[in-house]
Structure formats: structure tokens, C-alpha cells
Amino acid sequence: MAGRAFLKTVAGFIAAAVWVVGADSARAQNYDGDTIVRFGAFGQGAFQNFGITTATNGVTGLSGSASPQGFGGGFSAGLDYHPHPSWLIGVELDGAVGEGRSSFNNVSYGFDYLATLRGRFGVYPDRDWLLYGTAGIAYLGFEAQNHATGVKAAETVPGALVGLGAEYNLKNMVLFAEYDYTTFGSRSFSLGTTRFNVDSDAHLLRFGVKFNVGHDFGQMYHPD
């Protein structure tokens, strides 16, 4: 329940940003293109790895790993600023849902949502192509459950993200592909009398579309 509430909060922020932009649509026709607000949607493949160590009554037990994989989708909103015709800086907020589960020693490990807030820096090698790097913070919806007892632990885990991406401009929309690496460090939690220490990271592949608002597409800001 806490995870769903967190994701709804992220969705609320994104929806509010899109609403504000839409309310200002009359101004968009005369906008000079230096700053662009954008929103979009994407599909995501997530490949997670959990390194696991258990301890019962303070005595270290088994060590192993679980590698849940899942596919899902999400939505994003962002702001790009062009201080120079050949490059940009920006900020992006996104949220994605998608479920993956894998088991080790009769305990299932998984994720069901991910939210990120990050900056990005991009350059235009061509008038229709943007190459960019991105980095920021990430929040993962983590869950573990003991198959035998049904005891469950769930929490939102903070971490860090770095990534690379490319965009192709189609004037009224932008197609993009992105790879991200996320790490969530080491977390400890209990299921009954057993305590678990979990190191987690993930690889993300995203493909989607973005729509720019507040930009005169008849006068592309990046060079010919």
C-alpha cells in the first residue's frame, strides 16, 4: 500500500506539470524555443540483481543471489533549456510500473515500481538527433516474502542512477531510447527470526515517445 501511495504521488506531480503547461498553451505559439517543457510515455525492461546474505539469531547463514526481470511502462515530464544551439541541459521526473520476481532459499524477491528524478546534458550531432547523459536519484519498490510462512517485507528503497540515451526529432514528437544503471546499496530487513542483508542494482532499457510543449516547431532551435 505504501508503494502504491508513493507512485500516486509521483503521478500527481507529473500530472500537475502537464496541466500547468496545457493551461499556458496560448503562449506556446509565440515561444522562442529556448526552454521546452516535455512529457511522454515509455516501455521498460528491468533486469535486477539482489545479492543476499541471511542471519538467524545473529548467526550468519546462507549467501546467494536472486535476479528478477520484468517489463512494464511509465510516464515522464521534464524541462529542457538550450543555452547554446548545439547542446542542452534539463531535468526529468518519471515513474514506471512493472513486476519481476525471483526466489532464493524459499524467499521471493522482487520489485513493482521505480521513480527517478535526474538531470541530463545533451548535444546535437545532427539537427534531428540528440545524444545525452543523465544522472540523479531513484526510488525502487522492493518486496520480499517467505513462501513457507507468508511473512512479507516491503519498502521504498532510495538509490542512484546514471544513464545514456538518444532522441530522434519528428517535429511534433520525439522518439527516444535509453539505458540506465541504478544502484540501491545495502539494505537489511527481517522475515520472522531471520534477518536479510540485500545488495541491489539494476539495468534498465527504455523506449518511448515525448511531446514538446511551448516550442515553435517551424523554427527548430538546434542547427541545420
Protein backbone atom coordinates (compact mmCIF):
# COMPACT_ATOMS: atom_id res chain seq x y z
CA MET A 1 0.00 0.00 0.00
CA ALA A 2 2.83 2.42 0.81
CA GLY A 3 4.40 1.74 -2.58
CA ARG A 4 1.15 2.50 -4.41
CA ALA A 5 0.75 5.72 -2.47
CA PHE A 6 4.30 6.75 -3.38
CA LEU A 7 3.70 6.07 -7.07
CA LYS A 8 0.43 8.02 -6.97
CA THR A 9 2.34 10.97 -5.51
CA VAL A 10 4.83 10.87 -8.39
CA ALA A 11 1.99 10.63 -10.91
CA GLY A 12 0.33 13.62 -9.24
CA PHE A 13 3.43 15.78 -9.64
CA ILE A 14 3.73 14.82 -13.31
CA ALA A 15 0.03 15.42 -13.96
CA ALA A 16 0.26 18.84 -12.31
CA ALA A 17 3.22 19.79 -14.51
CA VAL A 18 1.37 18.73 -17.66
CA TRP A 19 -1.75 20.65 -16.56
CA VAL A 20 0.21 23.86 -15.99
CA VAL A 21 1.79 23.56 -19.43
CA GLY A 22 -1.58 22.91 -21.06
CA ALA A 23 -3.11 25.94 -19.35
CA ASP A 24 -0.41 28.07 -20.98
CA SER A 25 -0.88 26.68 -24.49
CA ALA A 26 -1.83 30.07 -25.99
CA ARG A 27 1.61 31.36 -25.12
CA ALA A 28 3.31 28.36 -26.73
CA GLN A 29 2.67 29.59 -30.29
CA ASN A 30 4.92 32.62 -29.74
CA TYR A 31 7.55 30.91 -27.63
CA ASP A 32 11.16 31.48 -28.70
CA GLY A 33 12.19 27.85 -28.13
CA ASP A 34 14.96 28.44 -25.56
CA THR A 35 13.11 26.45 -22.89
CA ILE A 36 10.95 23.42 -23.69
CA VAL A 37 8.59 21.54 -21.38
CA ARG A 38 8.02 17.91 -22.38
CA PHE A 39 6.03 14.90 -21.28
CA GLY A 40 5.82 11.36 -22.59
CA ALA A 41 5.42 7.63 -22.10
CA PHE A 42 7.76 4.66 -22.40
CA GLY A 43 8.09 0.92 -22.21
CA GLN A 44 10.72 -0.51 -19.85
CA GLY A 45 12.66 -3.71 -19.38
CA ALA A 46 14.19 -4.03 -15.89
CA PHE A 47 16.91 -6.55 -15.03
CA GLN A 48 17.52 -6.56 -11.27
CA ASN A 49 20.16 -8.31 -9.19
CA PHE A 50 19.93 -8.94 -5.44
CA GLY A 51 22.98 -10.19 -3.53
CA ILE A 52 21.62 -11.84 -0.38
CA THR A 53 23.11 -12.84 2.99
CA THR A 54 20.94 -14.31 5.77
CA ALA A 55 21.42 -14.50 9.53
CA THR A 56 19.29 -16.30 12.15
CA ASN A 57 19.65 -15.40 15.83
CA GLY A 58 22.76 -13.41 14.95
CA VAL A 59 24.49 -16.33 13.20
CA THR A 60 25.37 -15.79 9.52
CA GLY A 61 23.72 -18.37 7.30
CA LEU A 62 23.35 -18.69 3.55
CA SER A 63 24.61 -16.36 0.84
CA GLY A 64 23.30 -16.26 -2.70
CA SER A 65 21.50 -14.14 -5.25
CA ALA A 66 18.17 -13.58 -6.98
CA SER A 67 17.75 -11.96 -10.39
CA PRO A 68 14.16 -10.85 -11.06
CA GLN A 69 13.34 -9.48 -14.50
CA GLY A 70 10.23 -7.64 -15.59
CA PHE A 71 8.66 -5.47 -18.24
CA GLY A 72 6.35 -2.56 -17.78
CA GLY A 73 5.82 1.05 -18.67
CA GLY A 74 5.73 4.54 -17.31
CA PHE A 75 5.34 8.26 -17.89
CA SER A 76 7.63 11.27 -17.61
CA ALA A 77 7.72 15.06 -17.50
CA GLY A 78 10.71 17.33 -17.92
CA LEU A 79 12.17 20.70 -18.76
CA ASP A 80 14.97 21.38 -21.28
CA TYR A 81 16.97 24.60 -21.53
CA HIS A 82 19.13 25.47 -24.56
CA PRO A 83 21.93 27.86 -23.51
CA HIS A 84 23.57 27.12 -26.90
CA PRO A 85 22.10 25.92 -30.23
CA SER A 86 24.23 22.75 -30.19
CA TRP A 87 23.52 21.47 -26.66
CA LEU A 88 21.03 21.46 -23.81
CA ILE A 89 20.66 20.85 -20.09
CA GLY A 90 17.48 19.57 -18.50
CA VAL A 91 15.70 17.91 -15.62
CA GLU A 92 13.30 14.96 -15.71
CA LEU A 93 10.86 13.24 -13.34
CA ASP A 94 9.42 9.83 -14.21
CA GLY A 95 7.55 6.89 -12.72
CA ALA A 96 7.31 3.30 -14.03
CA VAL A 97 5.40 0.19 -13.01
CA GLY A 98 6.40 -3.38 -13.82
CA GLU A 99 6.73 -6.55 -11.78
CA GLY A 100 9.61 -9.02 -11.52
CA ARG A 101 10.11 -11.89 -9.06
CA SER A 102 12.88 -14.40 -8.35
CA SER A 103 13.50 -16.79 -5.42
CA PHE A 104 16.42 -17.84 -3.25
CA ASN A 105 16.17 -20.27 -0.31
CA ASN A 106 12.36 -20.31 -0.32
CA VAL A 107 12.10 -16.50 -0.23
CA SER A 108 10.92 -14.50 -3.26
CA TYR A 109 12.49 -11.12 -4.05
CA GLY A 110 11.04 -8.58 -6.42
CA PHE A 111 10.15 -5.06 -7.46
CA ASP A 112 6.96 -3.44 -8.68
CA TYR A 113 7.70 0.24 -9.34
CA LEU A 114 10.52 2.70 -9.93
CA ALA A 115 10.61 6.50 -9.82
CA THR A 116 13.53 8.78 -10.72
CA LEU A 117 14.45 12.46 -10.57
CA ARG A 118 17.51 13.40 -12.60
CA GLY A 119 19.34 15.96 -14.66
CA ARG A 120 20.60 15.47 -18.18
CA PHE A 121 23.09 17.01 -20.61
CA GLY A 122 22.79 16.52 -24.38
CA VAL A 123 24.47 17.50 -27.64
CA TYR A 124 23.12 17.62 -31.22
CA PRO A 125 25.44 15.82 -33.69
CA ASP A 126 22.73 16.42 -36.31
CA ARG A 127 19.63 18.65 -36.49
CA ASP A 128 17.30 15.72 -35.75
CA TRP A 129 19.46 13.68 -33.32
CA LEU A 130 20.23 14.33 -29.66
CA LEU A 131 22.71 12.26 -27.64
CA TYR A 132 22.60 12.74 -23.87
CA GLY A 133 23.78 11.54 -20.49
CA THR A 134 21.67 11.55 -17.34
CA ALA A 135 22.21 11.12 -13.59
CA GLY A 136 20.13 11.51 -10.45
CA ILE A 137 18.24 9.72 -7.69
CA ALA A 138 15.96 6.67 -7.95
CA TYR A 139 13.36 5.04 -5.70
CA LEU A 140 12.59 1.32 -6.02
CA GLY A 141 9.53 -0.50 -4.73
CA PHE A 142 11.20 -3.56 -3.14
CA GLU A 143 9.44 -6.63 -1.76
CA ALA A 144 10.47 -9.94 -0.15
CA GLN A 145 8.20 -12.78 1.00
CA ASN A 146 8.79 -16.09 2.78
CA HIS A 147 6.96 -18.79 0.80
CA ALA A 148 6.57 -21.07 3.83
CA THR A 149 5.15 -18.56 6.32
CA GLY A 150 3.73 -15.88 4.06
CA VAL A 151 5.57 -13.18 6.05
CA LYS A 152 6.34 -10.20 3.82
CA ALA A 153 8.60 -7.14 3.90
CA ALA A 154 8.09 -4.20 1.53
CA GLU A 155 9.58 -0.73 1.36
CA THR A 156 10.63 2.11 -0.95
CA VAL A 157 14.42 1.95 -1.35
CA PRO A 158 16.42 5.06 -2.39
CA GLY A 159 19.37 4.83 -4.76
CA ALA A 160 21.29 6.48 -7.59
CA LEU A 161 21.02 6.35 -11.39
CA VAL A 162 23.31 7.07 -14.36
CA GLY A 163 22.43 6.54 -18.00
CA LEU A 164 22.85 7.30 -21.70
CA GLY A 165 20.21 7.94 -24.33
CA ALA A 166 19.39 9.12 -27.83
CA GLU A 167 16.43 11.05 -29.23
CA TYR A 168 15.18 11.47 -32.79
CA ASN A 169 13.07 14.52 -33.54
CA LEU A 170 9.89 14.22 -35.65
CA LYS A 171 8.90 17.88 -35.12
CA ASN A 172 5.64 17.25 -33.27
CA MET A 173 7.12 14.45 -31.16
CA VAL A 174 10.41 12.83 -30.18
CA LEU A 175 11.29 9.13 -30.22
CA PHE A 176 13.88 8.01 -27.67
CA ALA A 177 15.87 5.04 -26.42
CA GLU A 178 17.73 5.00 -23.08
CA TYR A 179 19.92 2.72 -20.98
CA ASP A 180 20.15 3.32 -17.21
CA TYR A 181 22.15 1.69 -14.44
CA THR A 182 20.75 2.00 -10.91
CA THR A 183 22.25 1.00 -7.58
CA PHE A 184 20.43 0.87 -4.25
CA GLY A 185 23.25 -0.13 -1.92
CA SER A 186 22.80 -2.48 1.01
CA ARG A 187 19.50 -2.88 2.90
CA SER A 188 18.59 -5.04 5.93
CA PHE A 189 15.17 -6.37 6.88
CA SER A 190 13.63 -9.24 8.85
CA LEU A 191 11.22 -12.03 7.97
CA GLY A 192 10.34 -13.67 11.26
CA THR A 193 13.52 -14.72 13.10
CA THR A 194 15.71 -14.45 10.00
CA ARG A 195 17.44 -11.21 9.09
CA PHE A 196 18.39 -10.50 5.49
CA ASN A 197 21.03 -8.18 4.06
CA VAL A 198 20.45 -7.35 0.38
CA ASP A 199 22.72 -5.52 -2.08
CA SER A 200 20.78 -4.40 -5.14
CA ASP A 201 21.40 -2.93 -8.57
CA ALA A 202 19.54 -2.96 -11.89
CA HIS A 203 19.89 -2.41 -15.62
CA LEU A 204 17.03 -0.60 -17.39
CA LEU A 205 16.19 -0.37 -21.10
CA ARG A 206 13.59 2.21 -22.10
CA PHE A 207 11.93 3.03 -25.44
CA GLY A 208 9.27 5.68 -25.81
CA VAL A 209 7.89 8.93 -27.13
CA LYS A 210 7.95 12.50 -25.82
CA PHE A 211 5.88 15.54 -26.77
CA ASN A 212 7.36 19.03 -26.55
CA VAL A 213 5.16 21.91 -25.41
CA GLY A 214 6.00 25.60 -25.68
CA HIS A 215 8.08 25.32 -28.85
CA ASP A 216 7.63 26.68 -32.37
CA PHE A 217 8.47 23.65 -34.48
CA GLY A 218 8.67 25.81 -37.60
CA GLN A 219 11.86 27.31 -36.16
CA MET A 220 13.92 24.42 -34.82
CA TYR A 221 16.34 25.73 -32.22
CA HIS A 222 19.14 23.27 -32.90
CA PRO A 223 21.29 23.87 -36.01
CA ASP A 224 20.60 22.70 -39.56
